[in-house]
């Protein structure tokens, strides 16, 4: 499931595994990655949480997001790994599963 952050980031990442996508609406690679998310959401076992860096710059700062798109795989509030830049469908599946 793809969800857009509305308010409390910490509530969205606790007690589960989630793929966090830091993005902006004006970012070309972010839009391309968004299309990959649409095509992959039924094939992965994690929720996708999209965080607009223009609406939530404080969260982006806490997570040291300097370039977008930036992905964080988080489980129970702890960062497992991160990636900056576009990933195609197969690369994204590998990022999530390995």
PDB file of N, CA and C in Angstrom:
ATOM      1  N   UNK A   1       0.827  -1.171   0.000  1.00  0.00           N
ATOM      2  CA  UNK A   1       0.000   0.000   0.000  1.00  0.00           C
ATOM      3  C   UNK A   1       0.884   1.252   0.000  1.00  0.00           C
ATOM      4  N   UNK A   2       0.517   2.217  -0.808  1.00  0.00           N
ATOM      5  CA  UNK A   2       1.224   3.490  -0.865  1.00  0.00           C
ATOM      6  C   UNK A   2       0.446   4.505  -0.036  1.00  0.00           C
ATOM      7  N   UNK A   3       1.161   5.146   0.874  1.00  0.00           N
ATOM      8  CA  UNK A   3       0.526   6.138   1.747  1.00  0.00           C
ATOM      9  C   UNK A   3       1.369   7.409   1.743  1.00  0.00           C
ATOM     10  N   UNK A   4       0.702   8.532   1.748  1.00  0.00           N
ATOM     11  CA  UNK A   4       1.386   9.819   1.811  1.00  0.00           C
ATOM     12  C   UNK A   4       1.354  10.317   3.250  1.00  0.00           C
ATOM     13  N   UNK A   5       2.512  10.748   3.759  1.00  0.00           N
ATOM     14  CA  UNK A   5       2.589  11.232   5.126  1.00  0.00           C
ATOM     15  C   UNK A   5       1.707  12.465   5.294  1.00  0.00           C
ATOM     16  N   UNK A   6       0.880  12.414   6.310  1.00  0.00           N
ATOM     17  CA  UNK A   6      -0.001  13.533   6.630  1.00  0.00           C
ATOM     18  C   UNK A   6       0.415  14.250   7.904  1.00  0.00           C
ATOM     19  N   UNK A   7       0.885  13.470   8.910  1.00  0.00           N
ATOM     20  CA  UNK A   7       1.227  14.128  10.176  1.00  0.00           C
ATOM     21  C   UNK A   7       2.353  13.442  10.915  1.00  0.00           C
ATOM     22  N   UNK A   8       2.102  12.437  11.712  1.00  0.00           N
ATOM     23  CA  UNK A   8       3.089  11.902  12.641  1.00  0.00           C
ATOM     24  C   UNK A   8       3.955  10.799  12.019  1.00  0.00           C
ATOM     25  N   UNK A   9       5.164  11.179  11.640  1.00  0.00           N
ATOM     26  CA  UNK A   9       6.085  10.255  10.989  1.00  0.00           C
ATOM     27  C   UNK A   9       6.423   9.062  11.882  1.00  0.00           C
ATOM     28  N   UNK A  10       6.703   9.324  13.136  1.00  0.00           N
ATOM     29  CA  UNK A  10       7.116   8.258  14.056  1.00  0.00           C
ATOM     30  C   UNK A  10       6.036   7.181  14.197  1.00  0.00           C
ATOM     31  N   UNK A  11       4.774   7.581  14.202  1.00  0.00           N
ATOM     32  CA  UNK A  11       3.690   6.595  14.278  1.00  0.00           C
ATOM     33  C   UNK A  11       3.642   5.713  13.042  1.00  0.00           C
ATOM     34  N   UNK A  12       4.019   6.267  11.906  1.00  0.00           N
ATOM     35  CA  UNK A  12       3.960   5.518  10.648  1.00  0.00           C
ATOM     36  C   UNK A  12       5.068   4.481  10.516  1.00  0.00           C
ATOM     37  N   UNK A  13       6.174   4.659  11.241  1.00  0.00           N
ATOM     38  CA  UNK A  13       7.308   3.745  11.067  1.00  0.00           C
ATOM     39  C   UNK A  13       7.520   2.792  12.236  1.00  0.00           C
ATOM     40  N   UNK A  14       6.746   2.952  13.304  1.00  0.00           N
ATOM     41  CA  UNK A  14       6.952   2.057  14.450  1.00  0.00           C
ATOM     42  C   UNK A  14       6.151   0.771  14.263  1.00  0.00           C
ATOM     43  N   UNK A  15       6.644  -0.291  14.840  1.00  0.00           N
ATOM     44  CA  UNK A  15       5.941  -1.575  14.906  1.00  0.00           C
ATOM     45  C   UNK A  15       5.660  -2.221  13.552  1.00  0.00           C
ATOM     46  N   UNK A  16       6.437  -1.883  12.531  1.00  0.00           N
ATOM     47  CA  UNK A  16       6.269  -2.538  11.232  1.00  0.00           C
ATOM     48  C   UNK A  16       7.477  -2.245  10.342  1.00  0.00           C
ATOM     49  N   UNK A  17       7.498  -2.892   9.201  1.00  0.00           N
ATOM     50  CA  UNK A  17       8.530  -2.660   8.204  1.00  0.00           C
ATOM     51  C   UNK A  17       7.921  -1.783   7.110  1.00  0.00           C
ATOM     52  N   UNK A  18       8.618  -0.708   6.761  1.00  0.00           N
ATOM     53  CA  UNK A  18       8.083   0.247   5.796  1.00  0.00           C
ATOM     54  C   UNK A  18       9.207   0.791   4.914  1.00  0.00           C
ATOM     55  N   UNK A  19       8.884   1.029   3.661  1.00  0.00           N
ATOM     56  CA  UNK A  19       9.804   1.669   2.735  1.00  0.00           C
ATOM     57  C   UNK A  19       9.423   3.141   2.674  1.00  0.00           C
ATOM     58  N   UNK A  20      10.332   4.009   3.107  1.00  0.00           N
ATOM     59  CA  UNK A  20      10.067   5.441   3.130  1.00  0.00           C
ATOM     60  C   UNK A  20      10.713   6.070   1.906  1.00  0.00           C
ATOM     61  N   UNK A  21       9.899   6.797   1.143  1.00  0.00           N
ATOM     62  CA  UNK A  21      10.351   7.484  -0.066  1.00  0.00           C
ATOM     63  C   UNK A  21      10.319   8.984   0.188  1.00  0.00           C
ATOM     64  N   UNK A  22      11.496   9.606   0.297  1.00  0.00           N
ATOM     65  CA  UNK A  22      11.593  11.055   0.386  1.00  0.00           C
ATOM     66  C   UNK A  22      11.617  11.588  -1.040  1.00  0.00           C
ATOM     67  N   UNK A  23      10.659  12.451  -1.375  1.00  0.00           N
ATOM     68  CA  UNK A  23      10.472  12.901  -2.750  1.00  0.00           C
ATOM     69  C   UNK A  23      10.003  14.352  -2.774  1.00  0.00           C
ATOM     70  N   UNK A  24       9.887  14.898  -3.995  1.00  0.00           N
ATOM     71  CA  UNK A  24       9.251  16.201  -4.211  1.00  0.00           C
ATOM     72  C   UNK A  24       8.473  16.117  -5.517  1.00  0.00           C
ATOM     73  N   UNK A  25       7.389  16.863  -5.594  1.00  0.00           N
ATOM     74  CA  UNK A  25       6.532  16.824  -6.791  1.00  0.00           C
ATOM     75  C   UNK A  25       7.236  17.333  -8.043  1.00  0.00           C
ATOM     76  N   UNK A  26       8.219  18.190  -7.903  1.00  0.00           N
ATOM     77  CA  UNK A  26       8.926  18.774  -9.039  1.00  0.00           C
ATOM     78  C   UNK A  26      10.098  17.911  -9.529  1.00  0.00           C
ATOM     79  N   UNK A  27      10.374  16.816  -8.853  1.00  0.00           N
ATOM     80  CA  UNK A  27      11.551  15.967  -9.127  1.00  0.00           C
ATOM     81  C   UNK A  27      11.230  14.904 -10.175  1.00  0.00           C
ATOM     82  N   UNK A  28      11.910  14.965 -11.332  1.00  0.00           N
ATOM     83  CA  UNK A  28      11.692  13.996 -12.406  1.00  0.00           C
ATOM     84  C   UNK A  28      11.957  12.554 -12.002  1.00  0.00           C
ATOM     85  N   UNK A  29      13.140  12.240 -11.442  1.00  0.00           N
ATOM     86  CA  UNK A  29      13.395  10.865 -11.014  1.00  0.00           C
ATOM     87  C   UNK A  29      12.407  10.378  -9.956  1.00  0.00           C
ATOM     88  N   UNK A  30      11.913  11.295  -9.113  1.00  0.00           N
ATOM     89  CA  UNK A  30      10.911  10.923  -8.106  1.00  0.00           C
ATOM     90  C   UNK A  30       9.617  10.480  -8.781  1.00  0.00           C
ATOM     91  N   UNK A  31       9.225  11.183  -9.829  1.00  0.00           N
ATOM     92  CA  UNK A  31       8.012  10.813 -10.572  1.00  0.00           C
ATOM     93  C   UNK A  31       8.185   9.449 -11.221  1.00  0.00           C
ATOM     94  N   UNK A  32       9.373   9.207 -11.785  1.00  0.00           N
ATOM     95  CA  UNK A  32       9.640   7.908 -12.407  1.00  0.00           C
ATOM     96  C   UNK A  32       9.586   6.797 -11.364  1.00  0.00           C
ATOM     97  N   UNK A  33      10.146   7.045 -10.192  1.00  0.00           N
ATOM     98  CA  UNK A  33      10.132   6.050  -9.122  1.00  0.00           C
ATOM     99  C   UNK A  33       8.709   5.827  -8.628  1.00  0.00           C
ATOM    100  N   UNK A  34       7.904   6.875  -8.619  1.00  0.00           N
ATOM    101  CA  UNK A  34       6.503   6.747  -8.235  1.00  0.00           C
ATOM    102  C   UNK A  34       5.754   5.782  -9.134  1.00  0.00           C
ATOM    103  N   UNK A  35       6.079   5.797 -10.433  1.00  0.00           N
ATOM    104  CA  UNK A  35       5.474   4.848 -11.378  1.00  0.00           C
ATOM    105  C   UNK A  35       5.901   3.420 -11.056  1.00  0.00           C
ATOM    106  N   UNK A  36       7.148   3.236 -10.656  1.00  0.00           N
ATOM    107  CA  UNK A  36       7.634   1.911 -10.263  1.00  0.00           C
ATOM    108  C   UNK A  36       6.862   1.436  -9.034  1.00  0.00           C
ATOM    109  N   UNK A  37       6.648   2.328  -8.072  1.00  0.00           N
ATOM    110  CA  UNK A  37       5.872   1.964  -6.881  1.00  0.00           C
ATOM    111  C   UNK A  37       4.478   1.486  -7.259  1.00  0.00           C
ATOM    112  N   UNK A  38       3.838   2.176  -8.184  1.00  0.00           N
ATOM    113  CA  UNK A  38       2.491   1.790  -8.621  1.00  0.00           C
ATOM    114  C   UNK A  38       2.493   0.370  -9.193  1.00  0.00           C
ATOM    115  N   UNK A  39       3.543   0.029  -9.928  1.00  0.00           N
ATOM    116  CA  UNK A  39       3.632  -1.279 -10.584  1.00  0.00           C
ATOM    117  C   UNK A  39       4.083  -2.401  -9.661  1.00  0.00           C
ATOM    118  N   UNK A  40       4.670  -2.067  -8.542  1.00  0.00           N
ATOM    119  CA  UNK A  40       5.275  -3.091  -7.690  1.00  0.00           C
ATOM    120  C   UNK A  40       4.507  -3.326  -6.396  1.00  0.00           C
ATOM    121  N   UNK A  41       3.606  -2.451  -6.023  1.00  0.00           N
ATOM    122  CA  UNK A  41       3.001  -2.514  -4.691  1.00  0.00           C
ATOM    123  C   UNK A  41       2.320  -3.844  -4.383  1.00  0.00           C
ATOM    124  N   UNK A  42       1.822  -4.546  -5.393  1.00  0.00           N
ATOM    125  CA  UNK A  42       1.196  -5.852  -5.153  1.00  0.00           C
ATOM    126  C   UNK A  42       2.209  -6.987  -5.048  1.00  0.00           C
ATOM    127  N   UNK A  43       3.469  -6.703  -5.347  1.00  0.00           N
ATOM    128  CA  UNK A  43       4.508  -7.731  -5.362  1.00  0.00           C
ATOM    129  C   UNK A  43       5.452  -7.656  -4.164  1.00  0.00           C
ATOM    130  N   UNK A  44       5.256  -6.677  -3.296  1.00  0.00           N
ATOM    131  CA  UNK A  44       6.160  -6.520  -2.154  1.00  0.00           C
ATOM    132  C   UNK A  44       5.376  -6.633  -0.853  1.00  0.00           C
ATOM    133  N   UNK A  45       6.096  -6.935   0.204  1.00  0.00           N
ATOM    134  CA  UNK A  45       5.441  -7.198   1.488  1.00  0.00           C
ATOM    135  C   UNK A  45       5.558  -6.034   2.470  1.00  0.00           C
ATOM    136  N   UNK A  46       5.958  -4.864   1.990  1.00  0.00           N
ATOM    137  CA  UNK A  46       6.071  -3.697   2.863  1.00  0.00           C
ATOM    138  C   UNK A  46       5.185  -2.575   2.340  1.00  0.00           C
ATOM    139  N   UNK A  47       4.752  -1.731   3.264  1.00  0.00           N
ATOM    140  CA  UNK A  47       4.032  -0.528   2.870  1.00  0.00           C
ATOM    141  C   UNK A  47       5.037   0.519   2.410  1.00  0.00           C
ATOM    142  N   UNK A  48       4.596   1.397   1.529  1.00  0.00           N
ATOM    143  CA  UNK A  48       5.421   2.496   1.045  1.00  0.00           C
ATOM    144  C   UNK A  48       4.871   3.783   1.647  1.00  0.00           C
ATOM    145  N   UNK A  49       5.730   4.524   2.311  1.00  0.00           N
ATOM    146  CA  UNK A  49       5.352   5.799   2.900  1.00  0.00           C
ATOM    147  C   UNK A  49       6.086   6.903   2.152  1.00  0.00           C
ATOM    148  N   UNK A  50       5.343   7.755   1.474  1.00  0.00           N
ATOM    149  CA  UNK A  50       5.934   8.842   0.710  1.00  0.00           C
ATOM    150  C   UNK A  50       5.957  10.106   1.563  1.00  0.00           C
ATOM    151  N   UNK A  51       7.149  10.715   1.661  1.00  0.00           N
ATOM    152  CA  UNK A  51       7.341  11.916   2.469  1.00  0.00           C
ATOM    153  C   UNK A  51       7.801  13.042   1.550  1.00  0.00           C
ATOM    154  N   UNK A  52       6.962  14.049   1.380  1.00  0.00           N
ATOM    155  CA  UNK A  52       7.269  15.212   0.549  1.00  0.00           C
ATOM    156  C   UNK A  52       8.254  16.098   1.307  1.00  0.00           C
ATOM    157  N   UNK A  53       9.468  16.243   0.780  1.00  0.00           N
ATOM    158  CA  UNK A  53      10.501  17.010   1.481  1.00  0.00           C
ATOM    159  C   UNK A  53      10.167  18.497   1.547  1.00  0.00           C
ATOM    160  N   UNK A  54       9.317  18.985   0.653  1.00  0.00           N
ATOM    161  CA  UNK A  54       8.910  20.388   0.709  1.00  0.00           C
ATOM    162  C   UNK A  54       7.901  20.638   1.830  1.00  0.00           C
ATOM    163  N   UNK A  55       7.086  19.642   2.142  1.00  0.00           N
ATOM    164  CA  UNK A  55       6.108  19.766   3.237  1.00  0.00           C
ATOM    165  C   UNK A  55       6.710  19.399   4.587  1.00  0.00           C
ATOM    166  N   UNK A  56       7.693  18.510   4.582  1.00  0.00           N
ATOM    167  CA  UNK A  56       8.276  18.013   5.832  1.00  0.00           C
ATOM    168  C   UNK A  56       9.811  18.133   5.811  1.00  0.00           C
ATOM    169  N   UNK A  57      10.328  19.359   5.669  1.00  0.00           N
ATOM    170  CA  UNK A  57      11.793  19.519   5.612  1.00  0.00           C
ATOM    171  C   UNK A  57      12.479  19.119   6.914  1.00  0.00           C
ATOM    172  N   UNK A  58      11.773  19.231   8.037  1.00  0.00           N
ATOM    173  CA  UNK A  58      12.365  18.848   9.314  1.00  0.00           C
ATOM    174  C   UNK A  58      12.645  17.350   9.374  1.00  0.00           C
ATOM    175  N   UNK A  59      11.736  16.546   8.856  1.00  0.00           N
ATOM    176  CA  UNK A  59      11.942  15.086   8.834  1.00  0.00           C
ATOM    177  C   UNK A  59      13.069  14.741   7.875  1.00  0.00           C
ATOM    178  N   UNK A  60      13.084  15.397   6.714  1.00  0.00           N
ATOM    179  CA  UNK A  60      14.175  15.166   5.758  1.00  0.00           C
ATOM    180  C   UNK A  60      15.522  15.510   6.380  1.00  0.00           C
ATOM    181  N   UNK A  61      15.559  16.575   7.161  1.00  0.00           N
ATOM    182  CA  UNK A  61      16.797  16.971   7.821  1.00  0.00           C
ATOM    183  C   UNK A  61      17.245  15.966   8.864  1.00  0.00           C
ATOM    184  N   UNK A  62      16.306  15.469   9.651  1.00  0.00           N
ATOM    185  CA  UNK A  62      16.630  14.468  10.668  1.00  0.00           C
ATOM    186  C   UNK A  62      17.246  13.227  10.030  1.00  0.00           C
ATOM    187  N   UNK A  63      16.745  12.861   8.844  1.00  0.00           N
ATOM    188  CA  UNK A  63      17.231  11.663   8.153  1.00  0.00           C
ATOM    189  C   UNK A  63      18.326  11.963   7.136  1.00  0.00           C
ATOM    190  N   UNK A  64      18.889  13.157   7.200  1.00  0.00           N
ATOM    191  CA  UNK A  64      20.012  13.553   6.347  1.00  0.00           C
ATOM    192  C   UNK A  64      19.723  13.360   4.868  1.00  0.00           C
ATOM    193  N   UNK A  65      18.540  13.752   4.433  1.00  0.00           N
ATOM    194  CA  UNK A  65      18.172  13.658   3.024  1.00  0.00           C
ATOM    195  C   UNK A  65      18.653  14.926   2.332  1.00  0.00           C
ATOM    196  N   UNK A  66      19.683  14.772   1.479  1.00  0.00           N
ATOM    197  CA  UNK A  66      20.241  15.901   0.748  1.00  0.00           C
ATOM    198  C   UNK A  66      19.922  15.838  -0.729  1.00  0.00           C
ATOM    199  N   UNK A  67      19.583  14.661  -1.225  1.00  0.00           N
ATOM    200  CA  UNK A  67      19.218  14.443  -2.623  1.00  0.00           C
ATOM    201  C   UNK A  67      17.958  13.600  -2.657  1.00  0.00           C
ATOM    202  N   UNK A  68      17.184  13.773  -3.713  1.00  0.00           N
ATOM    203  CA  UNK A  68      15.963  12.982  -3.844  1.00  0.00           C
ATOM    204  C   UNK A  68      15.911  12.362  -5.228  1.00  0.00           C
ATOM    205  N   UNK A  69      15.266  11.235  -5.369  1.00  0.00           N
ATOM    206  CA  UNK A  69      14.616  10.470  -4.326  1.00  0.00           C
ATOM    207  C   UNK A  69      15.628   9.761  -3.416  1.00  0.00           C
ATOM    208  N   UNK A  70      15.272   9.676  -2.153  1.00  0.00           N
ATOM    209  CA  UNK A  70      16.031   8.896  -1.182  1.00  0.00           C
ATOM    210  C   UNK A  70      15.071   7.910  -0.527  1.00  0.00           C
ATOM    211  N   UNK A  71      15.490   6.660  -0.480  1.00  0.00           N
ATOM    212  CA  UNK A  71      14.680   5.597   0.114  1.00  0.00           C
ATOM    213  C   UNK A  71      15.330   5.103   1.398  1.00  0.00           C
ATOM    214  N   UNK A  72      14.497   4.852   2.390  1.00  0.00           N
ATOM    215  CA  UNK A  72      14.933   4.205   3.626  1.00  0.00           C
ATOM    216  C   UNK A  72      14.044   2.999   3.853  1.00  0.00           C
ATOM    217  N   UNK A  73      14.660   1.863   4.117  1.00  0.00           N
ATOM    218  CA  UNK A  73      13.925   0.686   4.545  1.00  0.00           C
ATOM    219  C   UNK A  73      14.036   0.661   6.064  1.00  0.00           C
ATOM    220  N   UNK A  74      12.881   0.790   6.734  1.00  0.00           N
ATOM    221  CA  UNK A  74      12.840   0.925   8.185  1.00  0.00           C
ATOM    222  C   UNK A  74      11.976  -0.188   8.766  1.00  0.00           C
ATOM    223  N   UNK A  75      12.484  -0.800   9.836  1.00  0.00           N
ATOM    224  CA  UNK A  75      11.709  -1.825  10.522  1.00  0.00           C
ATOM    225  C   UNK A  75      11.676  -1.496  12.011  1.00  0.00           C
ATOM    226  N   UNK A  76      10.470  -1.414  12.560  1.00  0.00           N
ATOM    227  CA  UNK A  76      10.274  -1.088  13.977  1.00  0.00           C
ATOM    228  C   UNK A  76      11.025   0.182  14.387  1.00  0.00           C
ATOM    229  N   UNK A  77      11.011   1.174  13.482  1.00  0.00           N
ATOM    230  CA  UNK A  77      11.644   2.456  13.764  1.00  0.00           C
ATOM    231  C   UNK A  77      13.139   2.513  13.536  1.00  0.00           C
ATOM    232  N   UNK A  78      13.761   1.410  13.132  1.00  0.00           N
ATOM    233  CA  UNK A  78      15.209   1.366  12.916  1.00  0.00           C
ATOM    234  C   UNK A  78      15.526   1.263  11.426  1.00  0.00           C
ATOM    235  N   UNK A  79      16.490   2.048  10.977  1.00  0.00           N
ATOM    236  CA  UNK A  79      16.895   2.043   9.572  1.00  0.00           C
ATOM    237  C   UNK A  79      17.675   0.769   9.272  1.00  0.00           C
ATOM    238  N   UNK A  80      17.205   0.018   8.283  1.00  0.00           N
ATOM    239  CA  UNK A  80      17.923  -1.176   7.834  1.00  0.00           C
ATOM    240  C   UNK A  80      18.910  -0.828   6.731  1.00  0.00           C
ATOM    241  N   UNK A  81      18.486   0.031   5.798  1.00  0.00           N
ATOM    242  CA  UNK A  81      19.364   0.471   4.715  1.00  0.00           C
ATOM    243  C   UNK A  81      18.734   1.643   3.994  1.00  0.00           C
ATOM    244  N   UNK A  82      19.548   2.287   3.141  1.00  0.00           N
ATOM    245  CA  UNK A  82      19.064   3.438   2.392  1.00  0.00           C
ATOM    246  C   UNK A  82      19.641   3.429   0.984  1.00  0.00           C
ATOM    247  N   UNK A  83      18.996   4.197   0.114  1.00  0.00           N
ATOM    248  CA  UNK A  83      19.455   4.342  -1.269  1.00  0.00           C
ATOM    249  C   UNK A  83      19.022   5.714  -1.769  1.00  0.00           C
ATOM    250  N   UNK A  84      19.904   6.367  -2.500  1.00  0.00           N
ATOM    251  CA  UNK A  84      19.566   7.644  -3.129  1.00  0.00           C
ATOM    252  C   UNK A  84      19.598   7.462  -4.636  1.00  0.00           C
ATOM    253  N   UNK A  85      18.524   7.917  -5.301  1.00  0.00           N
ATOM    254  CA  UNK A  85      18.432   7.844  -6.757  1.00  0.00           C
ATOM    255  C   UNK A  85      17.358   6.873  -7.207  1.00  0.00           C
ATOM    256  N   UNK A  86      17.165   6.864  -8.505  1.00  0.00           N
ATOM    257  CA  UNK A  86      16.139   6.038  -9.127  1.00  0.00           C
ATOM    258  C   UNK A  86      16.517   4.560  -9.087  1.00  0.00           C
ATOM    259  N   UNK A  87      15.522   3.702  -8.919  1.00  0.00           N
ATOM    260  CA  UNK A  87      15.678   2.247  -9.042  1.00  0.00           C
ATOM    261  C   UNK A  87      14.575   1.737  -9.955  1.00  0.00           C
ATOM    262  N   UNK A  88      14.932   0.812 -10.851  1.00  0.00           N
ATOM    263  CA  UNK A  88      13.883   0.186 -11.658  1.00  0.00           C
ATOM    264  C   UNK A  88      13.189  -0.885 -10.824  1.00  0.00           C
ATOM    265  N   UNK A  89      12.203  -1.536 -11.396  1.00  0.00           N
ATOM    266  CA  UNK A  89      11.383  -2.498 -10.656  1.00  0.00           C
ATOM    267  C   UNK A  89      12.213  -3.616 -10.031  1.00  0.00           C
ATOM    268  N   UNK A  90      13.094  -4.217 -10.796  1.00  0.00           N
ATOM    269  CA  UNK A  90      13.907  -5.327 -10.279  1.00  0.00           C
ATOM    270  C   UNK A  90      14.880  -4.851  -9.207  1.00  0.00           C
ATOM    271  N   UNK A  91      15.495  -3.694  -9.428  1.00  0.00           N
ATOM    272  CA  UNK A  91      16.422  -3.156  -8.428  1.00  0.00           C
ATOM    273  C   UNK A  91      15.692  -2.829  -7.127  1.00  0.00           C
ATOM    274  N   UNK A  92      14.484  -2.300  -7.240  1.00  0.00           N
ATOM    275  CA  UNK A  92      13.711  -1.967  -6.054  1.00  0.00           C
ATOM    276  C   UNK A  92      13.313  -3.215  -5.284  1.00  0.00           C
ATOM    277  N   UNK A  93      12.886  -4.265  -6.002  1.00  0.00           N
ATOM    278  CA  UNK A  93      12.555  -5.522  -5.339  1.00  0.00           C
ATOM    279  C   UNK A  93      13.777  -6.092  -4.616  1.00  0.00           C
ATOM    280  N   UNK A  94      14.933  -6.004  -5.239  1.00  0.00           N
ATOM    281  CA  UNK A  94      16.152  -6.505  -4.611  1.00  0.00           C
ATOM    282  C   UNK A  94      16.506  -5.669  -3.376  1.00  0.00           C
ATOM    283  N   UNK A  95      16.346  -4.351  -3.478  1.00  0.00           N
ATOM    284  CA  UNK A  95      16.610  -3.462  -2.336  1.00  0.00           C
ATOM    285  C   UNK A  95      15.728  -3.843  -1.147  1.00  0.00           C
ATOM    286  N   UNK A  96      14.481  -4.123  -1.386  1.00  0.00           N
ATOM    287  CA  UNK A  96      13.536  -4.450  -0.317  1.00  0.00           C
ATOM    288  C   UNK A  96      13.783  -5.839   0.259  1.00  0.00           C
ATOM    289  N   UNK A  97      14.085  -6.800  -0.595  1.00  0.00           N
ATOM    290  CA  UNK A  97      14.125  -8.198  -0.168  1.00  0.00           C
ATOM    291  C   UNK A  97      15.503  -8.691   0.271  1.00  0.00           C
ATOM    292  N   UNK A  98      16.570  -7.981  -0.043  1.00  0.00           N
ATOM    293  CA  UNK A  98      17.923  -8.474   0.302  1.00  0.00           C
ATOM    294  C   UNK A  98      18.638  -7.558   1.259  1.00  0.00           C
TER     295      UNK A  98
END
